[in-house]
N, C-alpha and C. Protein backbone atom coordinates (compact mmCIF):
# COMPACT_ATOMS: atom_id res chain seq x y z
N MET A 1 43.49 26.18 -3.24
CA MET A 1 44.94 26.27 -3.41
C MET A 1 45.62 25.99 -2.06
N ASN A 2 46.63 25.12 -2.05
CA ASN A 2 47.26 24.79 -0.78
C ASN A 2 48.17 25.91 -0.29
N ASP A 3 48.51 25.86 0.99
CA ASP A 3 49.26 26.94 1.61
C ASP A 3 50.64 27.12 0.99
N SER A 4 51.31 26.02 0.64
CA SER A 4 52.67 26.12 0.09
C SER A 4 52.65 26.80 -1.27
N LEU A 5 51.60 26.51 -2.08
CA LEU A 5 51.48 27.15 -3.39
C LEU A 5 51.18 28.64 -3.22
N ASN A 6 50.31 28.94 -2.27
CA ASN A 6 50.01 30.34 -1.96
C ASN A 6 51.26 31.09 -1.57
N GLU A 7 52.07 30.48 -0.73
CA GLU A 7 53.29 31.12 -0.25
C GLU A 7 54.28 31.32 -1.39
N GLN A 8 54.38 30.32 -2.27
CA GLN A 8 55.29 30.42 -3.42
C GLN A 8 54.90 31.59 -4.32
N ARG A 9 53.61 31.73 -4.58
CA ARG A 9 53.15 32.81 -5.45
C ARG A 9 53.33 34.17 -4.76
N LYS A 10 53.13 34.20 -3.48
CA LYS A 10 53.37 35.43 -2.71
C LYS A 10 54.84 35.83 -2.81
N ASN A 11 55.72 34.85 -2.71
CA ASN A 11 57.16 35.12 -2.79
C ASN A 11 57.56 35.61 -4.18
N ILE A 12 56.95 35.02 -5.22
CA ILE A 12 57.24 35.45 -6.59
C ILE A 12 56.82 36.90 -6.78
N ARG A 13 55.63 37.24 -6.33
CA ARG A 13 55.15 38.62 -6.47
C ARG A 13 56.05 39.60 -5.73
N ALA A 14 56.68 39.13 -4.65
CA ALA A 14 57.53 40.01 -3.83
C ALA A 14 58.98 40.06 -4.33
N SER A 15 59.29 39.34 -5.41
CA SER A 15 60.66 39.31 -5.93
C SER A 15 61.15 40.72 -6.27
N LYS A 16 62.43 40.94 -6.07
CA LYS A 16 63.02 42.27 -6.31
C LYS A 16 63.78 42.36 -7.64
N HIS A 17 63.87 41.22 -8.34
CA HIS A 17 64.63 41.19 -9.59
C HIS A 17 63.84 40.38 -10.62
N TRP A 18 63.40 41.07 -11.69
CA TRP A 18 62.51 40.45 -12.67
C TRP A 18 63.16 40.46 -14.05
N VAL A 19 63.22 39.28 -14.67
CA VAL A 19 63.71 39.15 -16.04
C VAL A 19 62.54 38.67 -16.91
N PHE A 20 62.31 39.41 -17.99
CA PHE A 20 61.19 39.09 -18.88
C PHE A 20 61.68 38.70 -20.27
N ASP A 21 61.07 37.66 -20.82
CA ASP A 21 61.11 37.45 -22.26
C ASP A 21 60.28 38.58 -22.87
N MET A 22 60.40 38.79 -24.16
CA MET A 22 59.65 39.88 -24.77
C MET A 22 58.48 39.37 -25.62
N ASP A 23 58.78 38.78 -26.78
CA ASP A 23 57.71 38.35 -27.69
C ASP A 23 56.88 37.24 -27.08
N GLY A 24 55.58 37.46 -27.02
CA GLY A 24 54.68 36.47 -26.45
C GLY A 24 54.55 36.56 -24.95
N THR A 25 55.34 37.45 -24.35
CA THR A 25 55.32 37.63 -22.89
C THR A 25 54.88 39.05 -22.54
N LEU A 26 55.71 40.02 -22.87
CA LEU A 26 55.33 41.42 -22.70
C LEU A 26 54.59 41.95 -23.92
N THR A 27 54.75 41.26 -25.03
CA THR A 27 54.04 41.64 -26.26
C THR A 27 53.25 40.43 -26.77
N ILE A 28 52.26 40.71 -27.57
CA ILE A 28 51.48 39.64 -28.20
C ILE A 28 52.33 39.02 -29.30
N GLY A 29 52.50 37.72 -29.26
CA GLY A 29 53.36 37.04 -30.22
C GLY A 29 52.85 37.18 -31.65
N VAL A 30 53.68 37.72 -32.54
CA VAL A 30 53.29 37.87 -33.95
C VAL A 30 54.27 37.17 -34.90
N HIS A 31 55.36 36.66 -34.35
CA HIS A 31 56.35 36.02 -35.22
C HIS A 31 55.77 34.77 -35.89
N ASP A 32 55.94 34.68 -37.19
CA ASP A 32 55.53 33.50 -37.95
C ASP A 32 56.78 32.66 -38.18
N PHE A 33 57.05 31.77 -37.23
CA PHE A 33 58.29 31.00 -37.30
C PHE A 33 58.29 30.01 -38.45
N ALA A 34 57.11 29.49 -38.81
CA ALA A 34 57.03 28.57 -39.95
C ALA A 34 57.44 29.29 -41.23
N MET A 35 56.96 30.52 -41.39
CA MET A 35 57.33 31.31 -42.56
C MET A 35 58.82 31.63 -42.55
N MET A 36 59.35 31.97 -41.37
CA MET A 36 60.77 32.29 -41.26
C MET A 36 61.63 31.09 -41.66
N ARG A 37 61.26 29.90 -41.16
CA ARG A 37 62.02 28.70 -41.52
C ARG A 37 61.96 28.44 -43.02
N SER A 38 60.77 28.64 -43.59
CA SER A 38 60.59 28.42 -45.02
C SER A 38 61.45 29.39 -45.83
N GLU A 39 61.47 30.66 -45.44
CA GLU A 39 62.27 31.68 -46.12
C GLU A 39 63.77 31.36 -46.04
N LEU A 40 64.16 30.74 -44.93
CA LEU A 40 65.57 30.43 -44.71
C LEU A 40 65.97 29.06 -45.24
N GLY A 41 64.97 28.29 -45.69
CA GLY A 41 65.25 26.96 -46.21
C GLY A 41 65.58 25.95 -45.13
N LEU A 42 65.01 26.15 -43.94
CA LEU A 42 65.27 25.25 -42.81
C LEU A 42 64.14 24.25 -42.63
N ALA A 43 64.43 23.16 -41.95
CA ALA A 43 63.41 22.16 -41.65
C ALA A 43 62.32 22.77 -40.78
N HIS A 44 61.11 22.22 -40.86
CA HIS A 44 59.95 22.81 -40.18
C HIS A 44 60.09 22.79 -38.66
N ASP A 45 60.95 21.90 -38.13
CA ASP A 45 61.10 21.81 -36.68
C ASP A 45 62.48 22.30 -36.21
N ALA A 46 63.21 22.96 -37.10
CA ALA A 46 64.57 23.41 -36.76
C ALA A 46 64.54 24.61 -35.83
N ASP A 47 65.52 24.66 -34.91
CA ASP A 47 65.73 25.87 -34.13
C ASP A 47 66.48 26.85 -35.03
N ILE A 48 65.87 28.00 -35.30
CA ILE A 48 66.42 28.92 -36.28
C ILE A 48 67.82 29.40 -35.92
N LEU A 49 67.97 29.87 -34.69
CA LEU A 49 69.27 30.42 -34.30
C LEU A 49 70.35 29.36 -34.29
N GLU A 50 70.06 28.21 -33.70
CA GLU A 50 71.07 27.15 -33.64
C GLU A 50 71.45 26.67 -35.04
N SER A 51 70.46 26.58 -35.92
CA SER A 51 70.73 26.09 -37.28
C SER A 51 71.66 27.03 -38.04
N VAL A 52 71.41 28.34 -37.92
CA VAL A 52 72.23 29.30 -38.65
C VAL A 52 73.61 29.44 -38.00
N GLN A 53 73.66 29.39 -36.69
CA GLN A 53 74.95 29.48 -35.99
C GLN A 53 75.87 28.32 -36.35
N ALA A 54 75.30 27.19 -36.72
CA ALA A 54 76.10 26.01 -37.04
C ALA A 54 76.69 26.06 -38.44
N LEU A 55 76.27 27.03 -39.25
CA LEU A 55 76.75 27.13 -40.62
C LEU A 55 78.09 27.86 -40.70
N PRO A 56 78.86 27.62 -41.75
CA PRO A 56 80.08 28.42 -41.97
C PRO A 56 79.71 29.90 -42.07
N PRO A 57 80.57 30.78 -41.59
CA PRO A 57 80.25 32.22 -41.54
C PRO A 57 79.78 32.80 -42.87
N GLU A 58 80.44 32.40 -43.96
CA GLU A 58 80.08 32.98 -45.26
C GLU A 58 78.69 32.54 -45.71
N GLN A 59 78.27 31.36 -45.28
CA GLN A 59 76.93 30.88 -45.61
C GLN A 59 75.89 31.46 -44.66
N ALA A 60 76.30 31.68 -43.43
CA ALA A 60 75.36 32.19 -42.42
C ALA A 60 75.07 33.68 -42.58
N ALA A 61 76.04 34.45 -43.07
CA ALA A 61 75.91 35.91 -43.12
C ALA A 61 74.64 36.39 -43.82
N PRO A 62 74.34 35.93 -45.03
CA PRO A 62 73.11 36.40 -45.68
C PRO A 62 71.85 35.93 -44.97
N MET A 63 71.93 34.80 -44.27
CA MET A 63 70.77 34.31 -43.53
C MET A 63 70.52 35.18 -42.29
N TRP A 64 71.61 35.63 -41.64
CA TRP A 64 71.43 36.56 -40.51
C TRP A 64 70.78 37.84 -40.99
N ASP A 65 71.17 38.31 -42.17
CA ASP A 65 70.55 39.53 -42.72
C ASP A 65 69.05 39.33 -42.92
N LYS A 66 68.68 38.15 -43.43
CA LYS A 66 67.26 37.84 -43.62
C LYS A 66 66.52 37.79 -42.29
N ILE A 67 67.14 37.13 -41.31
CA ILE A 67 66.52 37.02 -39.99
C ILE A 67 66.30 38.40 -39.38
N ASN A 68 67.34 39.24 -39.44
CA ASN A 68 67.23 40.59 -38.88
C ASN A 68 66.13 41.39 -39.55
N ALA A 69 66.03 41.27 -40.87
CA ALA A 69 64.99 42.00 -41.60
C ALA A 69 63.60 41.51 -41.22
N MET A 70 63.45 40.19 -41.09
CA MET A 70 62.14 39.64 -40.70
C MET A 70 61.78 40.06 -39.28
N GLU A 71 62.77 40.09 -38.38
CA GLU A 71 62.50 40.50 -37.01
C GLU A 71 62.05 41.96 -36.95
N CYS A 72 62.68 42.80 -37.74
CA CYS A 72 62.29 44.21 -37.76
C CYS A 72 60.88 44.37 -38.35
N HIS A 73 60.54 43.53 -39.32
CA HIS A 73 59.17 43.55 -39.85
C HIS A 73 58.17 43.20 -38.76
N PHE A 74 58.44 42.12 -38.03
CA PHE A 74 57.51 41.72 -36.98
C PHE A 74 57.46 42.76 -35.86
N ALA A 75 58.59 43.42 -35.60
CA ALA A 75 58.61 44.47 -34.58
C ALA A 75 57.66 45.60 -34.94
N SER A 76 57.52 45.88 -36.23
CA SER A 76 56.63 46.95 -36.67
C SER A 76 55.16 46.61 -36.41
N LEU A 77 54.87 45.34 -36.19
CA LEU A 77 53.49 44.89 -35.93
C LEU A 77 53.21 44.69 -34.44
N ALA A 78 54.19 44.97 -33.60
CA ALA A 78 54.10 44.61 -32.18
C ALA A 78 53.00 45.37 -31.45
N LYS A 79 52.34 44.65 -30.56
CA LYS A 79 51.34 45.24 -29.66
C LYS A 79 51.59 44.67 -28.27
N PRO A 80 51.35 45.48 -27.23
CA PRO A 80 51.64 45.01 -25.87
C PRO A 80 50.68 43.90 -25.44
N MET A 81 51.19 43.00 -24.64
CA MET A 81 50.34 41.99 -24.02
C MET A 81 49.43 42.70 -23.02
N PRO A 82 48.14 42.33 -22.97
CA PRO A 82 47.26 42.95 -21.97
C PRO A 82 47.86 42.84 -20.57
N GLY A 83 47.88 43.96 -19.88
CA GLY A 83 48.41 43.98 -18.52
C GLY A 83 49.89 44.27 -18.42
N ALA A 84 50.61 44.31 -19.57
CA ALA A 84 52.06 44.51 -19.51
C ALA A 84 52.42 45.87 -18.93
N PHE A 85 51.80 46.92 -19.43
CA PHE A 85 52.11 48.27 -18.95
C PHE A 85 51.80 48.39 -17.46
N GLU A 86 50.65 47.87 -17.07
CA GLU A 86 50.23 47.97 -15.66
C GLU A 86 51.18 47.21 -14.74
N LEU A 87 51.60 46.02 -15.16
CA LEU A 87 52.52 45.23 -14.34
C LEU A 87 53.87 45.93 -14.21
N LEU A 88 54.42 46.38 -15.32
CA LEU A 88 55.73 47.02 -15.28
C LEU A 88 55.68 48.33 -14.49
N GLU A 89 54.60 49.07 -14.63
CA GLU A 89 54.43 50.30 -13.86
C GLU A 89 54.38 50.00 -12.36
N HIS A 90 53.64 48.95 -12.01
CA HIS A 90 53.53 48.52 -10.61
C HIS A 90 54.89 48.12 -10.06
N LEU A 91 55.63 47.33 -10.83
CA LEU A 91 56.95 46.87 -10.38
C LEU A 91 57.94 48.04 -10.29
N GLN A 92 57.88 48.93 -11.25
CA GLN A 92 58.77 50.09 -11.24
C GLN A 92 58.53 50.95 -10.00
N LYS A 93 57.28 51.14 -9.64
CA LYS A 93 56.95 51.93 -8.45
C LYS A 93 57.47 51.27 -7.18
N LYS A 94 57.57 49.94 -7.22
CA LYS A 94 58.10 49.21 -6.06
C LYS A 94 59.63 49.28 -6.00
N GLY A 95 60.25 49.77 -7.06
CA GLY A 95 61.70 49.91 -7.08
C GLY A 95 62.47 48.65 -7.38
N VAL A 96 61.82 47.69 -8.05
CA VAL A 96 62.50 46.44 -8.37
C VAL A 96 63.36 46.62 -9.62
N ASN A 97 64.28 45.69 -9.86
CA ASN A 97 65.07 45.67 -11.09
C ASN A 97 64.28 44.97 -12.19
N LEU A 98 64.29 45.56 -13.38
CA LEU A 98 63.56 45.02 -14.52
C LEU A 98 64.51 44.79 -15.68
N GLY A 99 64.50 43.59 -16.25
CA GLY A 99 65.37 43.27 -17.37
C GLY A 99 64.63 42.53 -18.47
N ILE A 100 65.18 42.61 -19.67
CA ILE A 100 64.67 41.89 -20.85
C ILE A 100 65.75 40.91 -21.31
N LEU A 101 65.34 39.68 -21.58
CA LEU A 101 66.24 38.69 -22.16
C LEU A 101 65.53 38.09 -23.37
N THR A 102 66.01 38.43 -24.56
CA THR A 102 65.34 38.02 -25.79
C THR A 102 66.32 37.37 -26.75
N ARG A 103 65.80 36.49 -27.59
CA ARG A 103 66.61 35.87 -28.65
C ARG A 103 66.59 36.72 -29.92
N ASN A 104 65.92 37.86 -29.89
CA ASN A 104 65.90 38.77 -31.03
C ASN A 104 67.19 39.57 -31.10
N VAL A 105 67.33 40.35 -32.19
CA VAL A 105 68.46 41.26 -32.34
C VAL A 105 68.06 42.60 -31.71
N MET A 106 69.04 43.38 -31.27
CA MET A 106 68.76 44.59 -30.50
C MET A 106 67.89 45.61 -31.24
N PRO A 107 68.17 45.96 -32.50
CA PRO A 107 67.30 46.96 -33.16
C PRO A 107 65.83 46.56 -33.16
N ALA A 108 65.54 45.30 -33.42
CA ALA A 108 64.15 44.83 -33.41
C ALA A 108 63.57 44.86 -32.00
N THR A 109 64.41 44.55 -31.02
CA THR A 109 63.97 44.58 -29.62
C THR A 109 63.57 45.99 -29.21
N LEU A 110 64.43 46.95 -29.50
CA LEU A 110 64.14 48.34 -29.12
C LEU A 110 62.94 48.88 -29.89
N GLN A 111 62.82 48.49 -31.16
CA GLN A 111 61.68 48.91 -31.97
C GLN A 111 60.38 48.35 -31.39
N THR A 112 60.42 47.10 -30.96
CA THR A 112 59.24 46.46 -30.37
C THR A 112 58.82 47.16 -29.08
N LEU A 113 59.78 47.40 -28.20
CA LEU A 113 59.46 48.05 -26.92
C LEU A 113 58.88 49.44 -27.14
N LYS A 114 59.45 50.17 -28.10
CA LYS A 114 58.95 51.51 -28.38
C LYS A 114 57.54 51.46 -28.95
N ALA A 115 57.29 50.54 -29.87
CA ALA A 115 55.97 50.42 -30.48
C ALA A 115 54.90 50.09 -29.44
N CYS A 116 55.32 49.39 -28.39
CA CYS A 116 54.39 48.97 -27.34
C CYS A 116 54.37 49.92 -26.14
N ASN A 117 55.13 51.02 -26.24
CA ASN A 117 55.20 52.01 -25.16
C ASN A 117 55.72 51.39 -23.87
N LEU A 118 56.69 50.50 -23.98
CA LEU A 118 57.25 49.82 -22.81
C LEU A 118 58.72 50.15 -22.59
N GLU A 119 59.32 50.93 -23.49
CA GLU A 119 60.77 51.17 -23.40
C GLU A 119 61.15 51.95 -22.14
N GLN A 120 60.21 52.73 -21.61
CA GLN A 120 60.51 53.56 -20.43
C GLN A 120 60.83 52.75 -19.18
N PHE A 121 60.48 51.48 -19.18
CA PHE A 121 60.66 50.66 -17.99
C PHE A 121 62.03 49.96 -17.92
N PHE A 122 62.81 50.06 -18.99
CA PHE A 122 64.05 49.27 -19.05
C PHE A 122 65.26 50.14 -19.37
N CYS A 123 66.27 50.10 -18.50
CA CYS A 123 67.54 50.74 -18.79
C CYS A 123 68.22 49.96 -19.92
N PRO A 124 68.93 50.64 -20.83
CA PRO A 124 69.60 49.93 -21.93
C PRO A 124 70.49 48.79 -21.47
N SER A 125 71.19 48.98 -20.35
CA SER A 125 72.10 47.93 -19.87
C SER A 125 71.36 46.70 -19.36
N ASN A 126 70.05 46.83 -19.16
CA ASN A 126 69.25 45.71 -18.66
C ASN A 126 68.48 45.01 -19.77
N ILE A 127 68.79 45.35 -21.03
CA ILE A 127 68.17 44.70 -22.19
C ILE A 127 69.23 43.87 -22.89
N LEU A 128 69.06 42.57 -22.87
CA LEU A 128 70.04 41.66 -23.48
C LEU A 128 69.41 40.96 -24.68
N ASP A 129 70.08 41.07 -25.83
CA ASP A 129 69.63 40.38 -27.03
C ASP A 129 70.50 39.15 -27.27
N ARG A 130 70.34 38.52 -28.41
CA ARG A 130 71.07 37.27 -28.66
C ARG A 130 72.56 37.49 -28.84
N ALA A 131 72.97 38.75 -29.11
CA ALA A 131 74.40 39.03 -29.26
C ALA A 131 75.04 39.39 -27.92
N SER A 132 74.23 39.63 -26.91
CA SER A 132 74.75 40.06 -25.61
C SER A 132 75.29 38.90 -24.78
N CYS A 133 74.81 37.70 -25.08
CA CYS A 133 75.17 36.52 -24.29
C CYS A 133 74.70 35.29 -25.06
N GLU A 134 75.07 34.13 -24.57
CA GLU A 134 74.58 32.90 -25.21
C GLU A 134 73.06 32.86 -25.08
N PRO A 135 72.34 32.65 -26.18
CA PRO A 135 70.88 32.75 -26.14
C PRO A 135 70.22 31.70 -25.25
N LYS A 136 69.01 32.01 -24.79
CA LYS A 136 68.20 31.01 -24.10
C LYS A 136 68.05 29.79 -25.00
N PRO A 137 68.04 28.59 -24.46
CA PRO A 137 67.81 28.23 -23.04
C PRO A 137 69.03 28.30 -22.14
N HIS A 138 70.17 28.75 -22.63
CA HIS A 138 71.32 28.92 -21.75
C HIS A 138 71.00 30.00 -20.71
N PRO A 139 71.43 29.81 -19.47
CA PRO A 139 71.10 30.77 -18.42
C PRO A 139 72.01 31.99 -18.35
N ALA A 140 72.96 32.12 -19.30
CA ALA A 140 73.97 33.18 -19.21
C ALA A 140 73.37 34.57 -19.08
N GLY A 141 72.30 34.85 -19.82
CA GLY A 141 71.69 36.17 -19.77
C GLY A 141 71.11 36.50 -18.41
N ILE A 142 70.43 35.54 -17.82
CA ILE A 142 69.87 35.75 -16.48
C ILE A 142 70.99 35.97 -15.49
N GLN A 143 72.02 35.15 -15.59
CA GLN A 143 73.15 35.28 -14.66
C GLN A 143 73.85 36.62 -14.81
N LEU A 144 73.96 37.10 -16.04
CA LEU A 144 74.60 38.39 -16.29
C LEU A 144 73.79 39.52 -15.65
N LEU A 145 72.48 39.48 -15.82
CA LEU A 145 71.63 40.51 -15.22
C LEU A 145 71.69 40.46 -13.69
N LEU A 146 71.63 39.26 -13.13
CA LEU A 146 71.68 39.14 -11.67
C LEU A 146 73.02 39.65 -11.13
N ASP A 147 74.10 39.38 -11.86
CA ASP A 147 75.41 39.88 -11.44
C ASP A 147 75.43 41.41 -11.47
N GLN A 148 74.85 42.00 -12.51
CA GLN A 148 74.79 43.46 -12.61
C GLN A 148 74.03 44.06 -11.43
N TRP A 149 73.00 43.38 -11.01
CA TRP A 149 72.13 43.89 -9.95
C TRP A 149 72.61 43.50 -8.55
N GLY A 150 73.59 42.61 -8.47
CA GLY A 150 73.98 42.09 -7.16
C GLY A 150 72.84 41.32 -6.52
N ALA A 151 72.10 40.59 -7.34
CA ALA A 151 70.86 39.93 -6.92
C ALA A 151 71.09 38.50 -6.44
N LYS A 152 70.25 38.08 -5.53
CA LYS A 152 70.21 36.68 -5.10
C LYS A 152 69.22 35.93 -5.98
N THR A 153 69.55 34.69 -6.32
CA THR A 153 68.62 33.89 -7.13
C THR A 153 67.30 33.66 -6.40
N SER A 154 67.34 33.61 -5.09
CA SER A 154 66.13 33.35 -4.30
C SER A 154 65.16 34.52 -4.32
N ASP A 155 65.61 35.67 -4.84
CA ASP A 155 64.79 36.87 -4.88
C ASP A 155 64.57 37.33 -6.32
N SER A 156 64.66 36.36 -7.27
CA SER A 156 64.61 36.70 -8.69
C SER A 156 63.64 35.77 -9.42
N VAL A 157 63.12 36.27 -10.56
CA VAL A 157 62.12 35.50 -11.30
C VAL A 157 62.32 35.72 -12.79
N MET A 158 62.08 34.65 -13.57
CA MET A 158 62.09 34.71 -15.04
C MET A 158 60.67 34.48 -15.52
N VAL A 159 60.17 35.39 -16.35
CA VAL A 159 58.80 35.31 -16.88
C VAL A 159 58.88 35.12 -18.39
N GLY A 160 58.24 34.06 -18.90
CA GLY A 160 58.27 33.83 -20.34
C GLY A 160 57.12 32.97 -20.81
N ASP A 161 57.02 32.84 -22.12
CA ASP A 161 55.91 32.09 -22.71
C ASP A 161 56.35 30.80 -23.38
N TYR A 162 57.64 30.50 -23.34
CA TYR A 162 58.11 29.33 -24.09
C TYR A 162 59.09 28.52 -23.25
N LEU A 163 59.29 27.29 -23.66
CA LEU A 163 60.15 26.36 -22.93
C LEU A 163 61.56 26.93 -22.70
N PHE A 164 62.13 27.59 -23.72
CA PHE A 164 63.49 28.12 -23.56
C PHE A 164 63.59 29.10 -22.40
N ASP A 165 62.54 29.91 -22.20
CA ASP A 165 62.53 30.87 -21.09
C ASP A 165 62.57 30.14 -19.76
N LEU A 166 61.75 29.11 -19.67
CA LEU A 166 61.63 28.35 -18.43
C LEU A 166 62.89 27.54 -18.16
N GLU A 167 63.46 26.96 -19.21
CA GLU A 167 64.71 26.21 -19.04
C GLU A 167 65.84 27.12 -18.58
N ALA A 168 65.90 28.31 -19.14
CA ALA A 168 66.93 29.27 -18.73
C ALA A 168 66.75 29.64 -17.26
N GLY A 169 65.51 29.88 -16.87
CA GLY A 169 65.23 30.21 -15.47
C GLY A 169 65.59 29.09 -14.52
N ARG A 170 65.23 27.87 -14.90
CA ARG A 170 65.56 26.71 -14.07
C ARG A 170 67.07 26.58 -13.91
N ALA A 171 67.79 26.68 -15.05
CA ALA A 171 69.24 26.52 -15.02
C ALA A 171 69.92 27.62 -14.20
N ALA A 172 69.28 28.81 -14.15
CA ALA A 172 69.83 29.91 -13.36
C ALA A 172 69.37 29.85 -11.90
N ASN A 173 68.51 28.88 -11.60
CA ASN A 173 68.03 28.67 -10.22
C ASN A 173 67.18 29.83 -9.71
N VAL A 174 66.37 30.42 -10.63
CA VAL A 174 65.42 31.44 -10.22
C VAL A 174 64.00 30.90 -10.41
N ALA A 175 63.03 31.57 -9.80
CA ALA A 175 61.63 31.17 -9.97
C ALA A 175 61.22 31.37 -11.43
N THR A 176 60.33 30.52 -11.93
CA THR A 176 59.88 30.61 -13.32
C THR A 176 58.37 30.79 -13.38
N VAL A 177 57.95 31.72 -14.24
CA VAL A 177 56.53 31.96 -14.48
C VAL A 177 56.27 31.75 -15.96
N HIS A 178 55.29 30.91 -16.27
CA HIS A 178 54.91 30.64 -17.66
C HIS A 178 53.59 31.34 -17.94
N ILE A 179 53.62 32.32 -18.86
CA ILE A 179 52.38 32.96 -19.27
C ILE A 179 51.87 32.30 -20.54
N ASN A 180 50.60 31.90 -20.49
CA ASN A 180 49.92 31.34 -21.65
C ASN A 180 48.47 31.77 -21.57
N THR A 181 48.02 32.58 -22.52
CA THR A 181 46.68 33.15 -22.45
C THR A 181 45.58 32.11 -22.58
N LEU A 182 45.93 30.91 -23.05
CA LEU A 182 44.95 29.82 -23.17
C LEU A 182 45.00 28.89 -21.96
N SER A 183 45.80 29.25 -20.96
CA SER A 183 45.95 28.44 -19.74
C SER A 183 46.45 27.03 -20.05
N GLN A 184 47.41 26.94 -20.97
CA GLN A 184 48.02 25.66 -21.31
C GLN A 184 49.48 25.69 -20.86
N TYR A 185 49.83 24.76 -19.98
CA TYR A 185 51.17 24.77 -19.37
C TYR A 185 51.80 23.38 -19.52
N PRO A 186 52.41 23.11 -20.69
CA PRO A 186 52.90 21.77 -20.99
C PRO A 186 54.25 21.41 -20.37
N TRP A 187 54.86 22.33 -19.61
CA TRP A 187 56.17 22.04 -19.04
C TRP A 187 56.15 22.24 -17.53
N PRO A 188 55.34 21.45 -16.83
CA PRO A 188 55.17 21.66 -15.38
C PRO A 188 56.45 21.51 -14.58
N ASN A 189 57.36 20.66 -15.05
CA ASN A 189 58.61 20.46 -14.30
C ASN A 189 59.55 21.65 -14.43
N MET A 190 59.25 22.56 -15.34
CA MET A 190 60.05 23.77 -15.52
C MET A 190 59.33 25.02 -15.00
N THR A 191 58.10 24.85 -14.57
CA THR A 191 57.24 25.99 -14.26
C THR A 191 56.86 26.03 -12.79
N ASP A 192 57.14 27.15 -12.14
CA ASP A 192 56.71 27.35 -10.76
C ASP A 192 55.29 27.90 -10.69
N TRP A 193 54.90 28.68 -11.72
CA TRP A 193 53.57 29.27 -11.69
C TRP A 193 53.12 29.52 -13.13
N GLY A 194 51.99 28.95 -13.50
CA GLY A 194 51.40 29.19 -14.80
C GLY A 194 50.31 30.24 -14.68
N ILE A 195 50.37 31.28 -15.50
CA ILE A 195 49.38 32.36 -15.46
C ILE A 195 48.79 32.55 -16.86
N ASN A 196 47.58 33.12 -16.92
CA ASN A 196 47.00 33.43 -18.23
C ASN A 196 46.85 34.93 -18.47
N HIS A 197 47.25 35.75 -17.46
CA HIS A 197 47.20 37.21 -17.60
C HIS A 197 48.27 37.81 -16.70
N LEU A 198 48.96 38.82 -17.20
CA LEU A 198 50.06 39.41 -16.43
C LEU A 198 49.59 40.07 -15.15
N ASN A 199 48.32 40.45 -15.07
CA ASN A 199 47.86 41.10 -13.84
C ASN A 199 47.85 40.16 -12.64
N GLN A 200 47.99 38.85 -12.89
CA GLN A 200 48.08 37.91 -11.79
C GLN A 200 49.37 38.08 -10.99
N LEU A 201 50.35 38.75 -11.59
CA LEU A 201 51.63 38.95 -10.93
C LEU A 201 51.65 40.23 -10.07
N ILE A 202 50.57 40.99 -10.11
CA ILE A 202 50.50 42.21 -9.30
C ILE A 202 49.99 41.86 -7.91
N ASP A 203 50.72 42.28 -6.88
CA ASP A 203 50.27 42.03 -5.52
C ASP A 203 49.39 43.19 -5.07
N HIS A 204 48.11 42.89 -4.88
CA HIS A 204 47.12 43.91 -4.54
C HIS A 204 47.06 44.09 -3.02
């Protein structure tokens, strides 16, 4: 590993402001998006949130109810990603700011965190769902958290498992970490560091 890459990873580990995606990042991904699209009558490659948001309110309302119900179902199945508790405990002991930025709805988000025994690491004001701000890949959520913390972008990091997380981080001008347990990182131009286990983010 070259010196500049080593230094970049050292700087990421030393960041004082951390924003995490939830599903597939701090928790093992269980959402069946193909099933969700099928239940909603959407195309197989449609972005669920964007598709429903584009509908007239009276047509969208029952679909939001379906989405919320499905999210709560998946929340009941949630399990923590290996290393999540250890990483968050390590960061909390260091006194860093910890935030969640998810495209889920808040009840499902809180249910997921509780099921995974991770809720203790996040203040309610630092948990942003899709109703709190414009959803990822828009950077609004990251910017909102950094403003709350009085944080510098140079001392902040976004950790996620999907392109939207990385795009949001890039647009907010913070470091981006892509977690993929299979070590597959298809968006190198959006990724500062690809990891396959959260314990790689712990500075020993």
